[in-house]
Amino acid sequence: MDVLAQNQWLVRCQQFLRLTKPRVVSLIVFTAVIGMFLATPGIVPLRILLAATLGIALVAGAAAAVNCLIEQKLDAVMARTRARPLPQGEVTSPQTLLFAGVAGGIGLVLLNTLVNPLTMWLTLGTFVGYAVIYTVILKPRTPQNIVIGGASGAMPPVLGWAAVTGEVTADALLLFLIIFTWTPPHFWALALYRKNEYAKAGMPMLPVTHGEQFTQLHVMLYTVILTAATLLPVATGMGGLVYLVSALVLDGVFLYYAYLIWKHYTDAIAKRTFAYSILYLSLLFAALLVDHYFKLPLGGVVGWLG
C-alpha cells in the first residue's frame, strides 16, 4: 500500500470514527467500566473487562452512527453538528447503515459469547432505546425528550454491573438513577445557549417550547434532585467517606452553576455549566471507584472523632 492510499484509508477510518461520537462514547464506556469494578469486591476478570468494554463501545458507537444517519438533515442546519461526516457528504447513508450494522453486530456477539446473554440483551435494549425510541419518537415530538430518553443514557453502569455479576441489583440501579437525574441539567444547559439553533431546526427542546426562564428553573430543580440521588450510595453503604466528601464538593459546584443559570443567566454561564457537568460525572464516578477500593467507613470516622 503506497503512502497516498494509506493516507486515504486513515482519513476514511477517521470519518467512520467520527460517526460514533467518540467523546460521548468514551463517557459511556467509562461509566460502564466503573460499574464493572463496583460490582465486585475484587478485580474484574480480564476476559470480562476486555470483552464487555469492547462490546459496549461497539454497540454505543453503532447507536451514535444510527443517530447521525436519522438526524443528518437536522445536523446540517445546526452549527454544532453541521461538520459531521454525513452532512458534509464524507460518507453516504448506506455506508453509515452498513457500518452501524457491522459494529453493533460484532459488539452484541462479543457480549453474548464472551460475557453473558443478560448483558447482550440489556445492551441491545439500550441501543433500541437511544437509536429508535429517543431519536425517532421522543426527540422530535416532546420537550421531555431528554428526561424520558435519559433512561438509555443512564444504562452503561448497569451494563457493566450485569457483565460481572449476571444480574441487576439495587446498587446498579442507584448508578442508573444518578446518570438519569444528571441528564436533564446537563442537556438543558446546552439547549439554553443553543436555543436559536434548535428553534431553527424545529426541535422541541424545553427552552424553545417553554421559554428560557422555565428551563432555567428546571435546571436548578433537577440539580437539587441530582444532589439527593448522589447521596443515596452513602445511605446504602456502597459509598464511604471518600465518596461522600467528593460528592458534596462536586454537588456544591454544580448547584452553584445551576443557581447562576436560574438567577443570573448568560450564555457564557450555560456553556461553563455544560462543560462542568461532563467533568462532574467523570469525577463522581471516579470517586466511587477510589472509595470502593480504599473505603473509609463513615461509622469508623464518626467513632474516631467521638
Foldseek 3Di string as FASTA:
>chain_A
DDPVVVVVVVVLVVLLQLLLVVVLLVLLLLLLLLLQLLLDLDDFPPLLSVLLSQLLSLLSSLLSLLLCLLCVVLLCQAPVRVPRCDNVVVDDSVVSNVSSVVSNVVSLVSCPPRFHNVLSVLSVVLSCLRNPCLRPPQFLPDQCSQLVSQLSVLCSSQSSSCRRVVDGDPVSVLSSVLSSLLRLLLVLLVCLLRVVSCVVSNTPHCCVPPNQLVSLVVSLVSLVVSLVSQCVCLVVVLFADQLVVLSVVLSVVLNVLSVCSNPPDDNVSSVVSNVSSSVSVSSNSVSSSVCSNVPDHPVVVVVVVD
